[in-house]
Amino acid sequence: MGKGVCNKCGAAQTNRNRRPHQRVKSMVLEWTALHQEELLQDWQLCKNMQTPFTIEPLE
């Protein structure tokens, strides 16, 4: 019984540690969707050795 509880606690801890990463990934994907045009414009500037514009950061 005790060993099973420890395994479940370990799994819960692992899942808890992964959730923030999933949340961050979701936020970054949302940010890129909101700023897609700006990112593409900046990419073109960088390809032409020009300074990119500032894009609003992720909050």
Protein backbone atom coordinates (compact mmCIF):
# COMPACT_ATOMS: atom_id res chain seq x y z
CA MET A 1 0.00 0.00 0.00
CA GLY A 2 2.69 2.53 0.93
CA LYS A 3 4.69 1.87 -2.22
CA GLY A 4 1.65 2.52 -4.44
CA VAL A 5 0.98 5.79 -2.67
CA CYS A 6 4.58 6.90 -3.24
CA ASN A 7 4.32 6.08 -6.94
CA LYS A 8 1.11 8.09 -7.22
CA CYS A 9 2.69 11.01 -5.37
CA GLY A 10 5.64 10.91 -7.74
CA ALA A 11 3.32 10.93 -10.75
CA ALA A 12 1.36 13.85 -9.30
CA GLN A 13 4.56 15.79 -8.72
CA THR A 14 5.71 15.10 -12.29
CA ASN A 15 2.36 16.25 -13.71
CA ARG A 16 2.41 19.36 -11.55
CA ASN A 17 5.88 20.21 -12.87
CA ARG A 18 4.74 19.85 -16.49
CA ARG A 19 1.68 22.10 -16.25
CA PRO A 20 3.62 25.38 -16.09
CA HIS A 21 5.53 24.39 -19.24
CA GLN A 22 2.28 23.68 -21.08
CA ARG A 23 0.85 27.00 -19.88
CA VAL A 24 3.94 28.87 -21.07
CA LYS A 25 3.85 27.11 -24.42
CA SER A 26 0.18 28.05 -24.81
CA MET A 27 0.93 31.69 -23.97
CA VAL A 28 3.81 31.85 -26.46
CA LEU A 29 1.69 30.31 -29.22
CA GLU A 30 -1.07 32.82 -28.52
CA TRP A 31 1.47 35.68 -28.58
CA THR A 32 2.90 34.54 -31.92
CA ALA A 33 -0.61 34.34 -33.39
CA LEU A 34 -1.35 37.89 -32.23
CA HIS A 35 1.94 39.23 -33.61
CA GLN A 36 2.37 37.04 -36.69
CA GLU A 37 2.45 39.91 -39.17
CA GLU A 38 4.95 41.87 -37.08
CA LEU A 39 7.15 38.80 -36.71
CA LEU A 40 7.14 38.20 -40.47
CA GLN A 41 8.01 41.86 -41.14
CA ASP A 42 10.86 41.69 -38.63
CA TRP A 43 12.08 38.46 -40.21
CA GLN A 44 12.29 40.17 -43.60
CA LEU A 45 14.19 43.09 -42.07
CA CYS A 46 16.66 40.73 -40.42
CA LYS A 47 17.17 38.80 -43.66
CA ASN A 48 18.12 42.14 -45.26
CA MET A 49 20.54 42.91 -42.43
CA GLN A 50 18.26 45.65 -41.09
CA THR A 51 17.26 46.28 -37.51
CA PRO A 52 13.91 44.74 -36.59
CA PHE A 53 11.15 46.74 -34.96
CA THR A 54 10.25 46.19 -31.31
CA ILE A 55 7.29 43.89 -30.75
CA GLU A 56 5.14 44.11 -27.64
CA PRO A 57 6.44 41.50 -25.16
CA LEU A 58 4.53 38.59 -23.69
CA GLU A 59 2.81 39.62 -20.48
